[in-house]
Amino acid sequence: MAKLNTISITYKGKDYSVAVIPNIFTDCSREILIGPHSLNDAVYNDDKGYVDNIAHNIDERIYAYIDDSYFSLNLEGFLEKVKFYID
């Protein structure tokens, strides 16, 4: 079982684990970033939009957001959740 590859994105002093996965939605070899819902909540407000320009720039890098609890899964389990909830 392969380990989930993550990077850390820091926003307003808090670190968020963001998954770096193969692009399972197209046939290209480019990797995509999947962020946790907690990061989405930090950078975007449903009533006011993006919190600031940094938040907007972070969001532009993220392909989609998924429940924070899935970041403890291995790569295969994480990809299953991404396919189920995002595809």
N, C-alpha and C. Protein backbone atom coordinates (compact mmCIF):
# COMPACT_ATOMS: atom_id res chain seq x y z
N MET A 1 0.83 -1.18 0.00
CA MET A 1 0.00 0.00 0.00
C MET A 1 0.87 1.25 0.00
N ALA A 2 0.59 2.11 -0.94
CA ALA A 2 1.36 3.34 -1.06
C ALA A 2 0.85 4.40 -0.08
N LYS A 3 1.78 5.14 0.45
CA LYS A 3 1.44 6.24 1.36
C LYS A 3 0.95 7.44 0.56
N LEU A 4 -0.01 8.14 1.12
CA LEU A 4 -0.54 9.36 0.50
C LEU A 4 0.53 10.44 0.55
N ASN A 5 0.86 11.02 -0.59
CA ASN A 5 1.84 12.09 -0.68
C ASN A 5 1.13 13.42 -0.38
N THR A 6 1.64 14.15 0.60
CA THR A 6 1.04 15.44 0.96
C THR A 6 2.10 16.52 1.01
N ILE A 7 1.62 17.74 0.84
CA ILE A 7 2.44 18.92 1.09
C ILE A 7 1.71 19.74 2.14
N SER A 8 2.39 20.68 2.73
CA SER A 8 1.78 21.54 3.74
C SER A 8 1.58 22.93 3.15
N ILE A 9 0.38 23.44 3.31
CA ILE A 9 0.09 24.82 2.94
C ILE A 9 -0.27 25.56 4.22
N THR A 10 0.42 26.65 4.45
CA THR A 10 0.18 27.44 5.65
C THR A 10 -0.66 28.66 5.28
N TYR A 11 -1.74 28.85 6.02
CA TYR A 11 -2.59 30.02 5.82
C TYR A 11 -2.94 30.59 7.19
N LYS A 12 -2.62 31.86 7.37
CA LYS A 12 -2.87 32.57 8.63
C LYS A 12 -2.32 31.80 9.83
N GLY A 13 -1.09 31.28 9.67
CA GLY A 13 -0.40 30.62 10.76
C GLY A 13 -0.78 29.18 11.02
N LYS A 14 -1.71 28.63 10.25
CA LYS A 14 -2.12 27.25 10.45
C LYS A 14 -1.69 26.42 9.24
N ASP A 15 -1.14 25.23 9.51
CA ASP A 15 -0.72 24.32 8.45
C ASP A 15 -1.85 23.37 8.08
N TYR A 16 -2.02 23.18 6.77
CA TYR A 16 -3.02 22.26 6.24
C TYR A 16 -2.34 21.25 5.35
N SER A 17 -2.62 19.96 5.56
CA SER A 17 -2.09 18.92 4.67
C SER A 17 -2.93 18.89 3.41
N VAL A 18 -2.25 18.93 2.27
CA VAL A 18 -2.90 18.91 0.97
C VAL A 18 -2.32 17.72 0.21
N ALA A 19 -3.20 16.88 -0.33
CA ALA A 19 -2.76 15.68 -1.04
C ALA A 19 -2.31 16.02 -2.46
N VAL A 20 -1.23 15.39 -2.87
CA VAL A 20 -0.72 15.49 -4.23
C VAL A 20 -0.97 14.13 -4.86
N ILE A 21 -1.92 14.08 -5.81
CA ILE A 21 -2.30 12.80 -6.39
C ILE A 21 -2.23 12.86 -7.92
N PRO A 22 -2.18 11.68 -8.56
CA PRO A 22 -2.26 11.68 -10.02
C PRO A 22 -3.62 12.23 -10.45
N ASN A 23 -3.66 12.86 -11.61
CA ASN A 23 -4.93 13.36 -12.12
C ASN A 23 -5.75 12.17 -12.61
N ILE A 24 -6.68 11.72 -11.77
CA ILE A 24 -7.50 10.55 -12.08
C ILE A 24 -8.72 10.90 -12.93
N PHE A 25 -8.88 12.16 -13.26
CA PHE A 25 -10.06 12.59 -14.02
C PHE A 25 -9.78 12.75 -15.51
N THR A 26 -8.53 12.88 -15.87
CA THR A 26 -8.15 12.98 -17.28
C THR A 26 -6.96 12.06 -17.53
N ASP A 27 -6.59 11.90 -18.75
CA ASP A 27 -5.48 11.02 -19.07
C ASP A 27 -4.13 11.73 -19.05
N CYS A 28 -4.08 12.92 -18.54
CA CYS A 28 -2.79 13.63 -18.52
C CYS A 28 -1.96 13.17 -17.34
N SER A 29 -0.68 13.38 -17.40
CA SER A 29 0.23 12.91 -16.36
C SER A 29 0.42 13.94 -15.24
N ARG A 30 -0.25 15.04 -15.34
CA ARG A 30 -0.12 16.11 -14.34
C ARG A 30 -0.72 15.69 -13.00
N GLU A 31 -0.09 16.09 -11.93
CA GLU A 31 -0.63 15.83 -10.60
C GLU A 31 -1.58 16.97 -10.21
N ILE A 32 -2.52 16.65 -9.33
CA ILE A 32 -3.46 17.65 -8.84
C ILE A 32 -3.40 17.70 -7.31
N LEU A 33 -3.87 18.81 -6.76
CA LEU A 33 -3.91 18.99 -5.31
C LEU A 33 -5.34 18.86 -4.82
N ILE A 34 -5.51 18.08 -3.77
CA ILE A 34 -6.81 17.92 -3.12
C ILE A 34 -6.65 18.44 -1.69
N GLY A 35 -7.45 19.41 -1.33
CA GLY A 35 -7.34 20.02 -0.01
C GLY A 35 -8.42 19.54 0.95
N PRO A 36 -8.20 19.74 2.23
CA PRO A 36 -9.20 19.39 3.23
C PRO A 36 -10.29 20.47 3.32
N HIS A 37 -11.47 20.06 3.73
CA HIS A 37 -12.56 21.03 3.89
C HIS A 37 -12.19 22.16 4.84
N SER A 38 -11.36 21.85 5.84
CA SER A 38 -10.98 22.90 6.80
C SER A 38 -10.21 24.02 6.11
N LEU A 39 -9.41 23.70 5.10
CA LEU A 39 -8.72 24.74 4.35
C LEU A 39 -9.71 25.56 3.53
N ASN A 40 -10.65 24.88 2.91
CA ASN A 40 -11.68 25.58 2.15
C ASN A 40 -12.45 26.55 3.05
N ASP A 41 -12.79 26.09 4.24
CA ASP A 41 -13.51 26.95 5.19
C ASP A 41 -12.67 28.16 5.59
N ALA A 42 -11.35 27.97 5.67
CA ALA A 42 -10.46 29.07 6.08
C ALA A 42 -10.30 30.12 4.99
N VAL A 43 -10.29 29.69 3.72
CA VAL A 43 -9.99 30.64 2.64
C VAL A 43 -11.23 31.23 1.98
N TYR A 44 -12.39 30.60 2.18
CA TYR A 44 -13.59 31.07 1.47
C TYR A 44 -14.78 31.16 2.41
N ASN A 45 -15.47 32.27 2.34
CA ASN A 45 -16.68 32.51 3.13
C ASN A 45 -17.86 32.54 2.17
N ASP A 46 -18.87 31.71 2.42
CA ASP A 46 -20.02 31.63 1.51
C ASP A 46 -20.73 32.96 1.31
N ASP A 47 -20.71 33.81 2.31
CA ASP A 47 -21.40 35.10 2.20
C ASP A 47 -20.53 36.19 1.57
N LYS A 48 -19.23 36.18 1.89
CA LYS A 48 -18.35 37.27 1.46
C LYS A 48 -17.33 36.88 0.40
N GLY A 49 -17.22 35.60 0.08
CA GLY A 49 -16.23 35.16 -0.90
C GLY A 49 -14.88 34.91 -0.27
N TYR A 50 -13.83 35.13 -1.05
CA TYR A 50 -12.47 34.88 -0.55
C TYR A 50 -12.13 35.85 0.57
N VAL A 51 -11.44 35.33 1.57
CA VAL A 51 -11.06 36.12 2.73
C VAL A 51 -10.09 37.22 2.34
N ASP A 52 -9.13 36.90 1.44
CA ASP A 52 -8.16 37.87 0.97
C ASP A 52 -7.51 37.33 -0.31
N ASN A 53 -6.56 38.08 -0.85
CA ASN A 53 -5.90 37.66 -2.10
C ASN A 53 -5.08 36.39 -1.91
N ILE A 54 -4.47 36.23 -0.76
CA ILE A 54 -3.70 35.01 -0.50
C ILE A 54 -4.63 33.81 -0.52
N ALA A 55 -5.80 33.95 0.08
CA ALA A 55 -6.78 32.87 0.09
C ALA A 55 -7.20 32.51 -1.33
N HIS A 56 -7.42 33.52 -2.14
CA HIS A 56 -7.81 33.29 -3.54
C HIS A 56 -6.70 32.53 -4.27
N ASN A 57 -5.45 32.92 -4.07
CA ASN A 57 -4.32 32.25 -4.71
C ASN A 57 -4.20 30.79 -4.27
N ILE A 58 -4.41 30.53 -3.00
CA ILE A 58 -4.39 29.16 -2.51
C ILE A 58 -5.49 28.35 -3.17
N ASP A 59 -6.68 28.89 -3.20
CA ASP A 59 -7.82 28.17 -3.77
C ASP A 59 -7.63 27.86 -5.25
N GLU A 60 -6.96 28.73 -5.96
CA GLU A 60 -6.71 28.52 -7.39
C GLU A 60 -5.81 27.30 -7.64
N ARG A 61 -5.00 26.94 -6.66
CA ARG A 61 -4.10 25.79 -6.79
C ARG A 61 -4.78 24.46 -6.47
N ILE A 62 -5.88 24.50 -5.74
CA ILE A 62 -6.55 23.29 -5.27
C ILE A 62 -7.60 22.84 -6.30
N TYR A 63 -7.52 21.57 -6.71
CA TYR A 63 -8.47 21.03 -7.67
C TYR A 63 -9.85 20.85 -7.02
N ALA A 64 -9.86 20.31 -5.80
CA ALA A 64 -11.12 20.06 -5.08
C ALA A 64 -10.81 19.90 -3.60
N TYR A 65 -11.86 19.91 -2.80
CA TYR A 65 -11.72 19.72 -1.36
C TYR A 65 -12.49 18.47 -0.94
N ILE A 66 -11.98 17.80 0.10
CA ILE A 66 -12.60 16.57 0.58
C ILE A 66 -12.49 16.56 2.11
N ASP A 67 -13.30 15.75 2.75
CA ASP A 67 -13.35 15.68 4.20
C ASP A 67 -11.96 15.47 4.81
N ASP A 68 -11.66 16.20 5.85
CA ASP A 68 -10.36 16.14 6.52
C ASP A 68 -9.99 14.72 6.97
N SER A 69 -10.98 13.94 7.37
CA SER A 69 -10.70 12.60 7.92
C SER A 69 -10.08 11.66 6.90
N TYR A 70 -10.25 11.91 5.61
CA TYR A 70 -9.72 11.02 4.58
C TYR A 70 -8.21 11.16 4.40
N PHE A 71 -7.61 12.19 4.97
CA PHE A 71 -6.17 12.40 4.80
C PHE A 71 -5.34 11.41 5.61
N SER A 72 -5.98 10.61 6.45
CA SER A 72 -5.26 9.56 7.19
C SER A 72 -5.23 8.25 6.41
N LEU A 73 -5.93 8.18 5.28
CA LEU A 73 -5.96 6.96 4.46
C LEU A 73 -4.68 6.80 3.66
N ASN A 74 -4.42 5.57 3.20
CA ASN A 74 -3.31 5.36 2.27
C ASN A 74 -3.75 5.89 0.89
N LEU A 75 -2.83 5.88 -0.06
CA LEU A 75 -3.11 6.45 -1.38
C LEU A 75 -4.32 5.79 -2.04
N GLU A 76 -4.38 4.48 -2.02
CA GLU A 76 -5.48 3.78 -2.68
C GLU A 76 -6.84 4.14 -2.07
N GLY A 77 -6.90 4.14 -0.74
CA GLY A 77 -8.14 4.50 -0.06
C GLY A 77 -8.55 5.94 -0.33
N PHE A 78 -7.57 6.82 -0.34
CA PHE A 78 -7.84 8.23 -0.61
C PHE A 78 -8.37 8.41 -2.03
N LEU A 79 -7.74 7.75 -3.01
CA LEU A 79 -8.19 7.85 -4.40
C LEU A 79 -9.61 7.33 -4.56
N GLU A 80 -9.97 6.27 -3.84
CA GLU A 80 -11.34 5.76 -3.89
C GLU A 80 -12.33 6.83 -3.42
N LYS A 81 -11.99 7.49 -2.32
CA LYS A 81 -12.89 8.54 -1.80
C LYS A 81 -12.98 9.71 -2.78
N VAL A 82 -11.85 10.11 -3.36
CA VAL A 82 -11.85 11.20 -4.32
C VAL A 82 -12.73 10.85 -5.52
N LYS A 83 -12.57 9.65 -6.04
CA LYS A 83 -13.38 9.22 -7.19
C LYS A 83 -14.87 9.21 -6.84
N PHE A 84 -15.19 8.72 -5.64
CA PHE A 84 -16.59 8.63 -5.23
C PHE A 84 -17.24 10.00 -5.03
N TYR A 85 -16.54 10.88 -4.36
CA TYR A 85 -17.15 12.17 -4.00
C TYR A 85 -16.96 13.28 -5.02
N ILE A 86 -15.94 13.20 -5.85
CA ILE A 86 -15.67 14.31 -6.76
C ILE A 86 -16.04 14.01 -8.20
N ASP A 87 -15.89 12.77 -8.62
CA ASP A 87 -16.13 12.43 -10.01
C ASP A 87 -17.61 12.48 -10.37
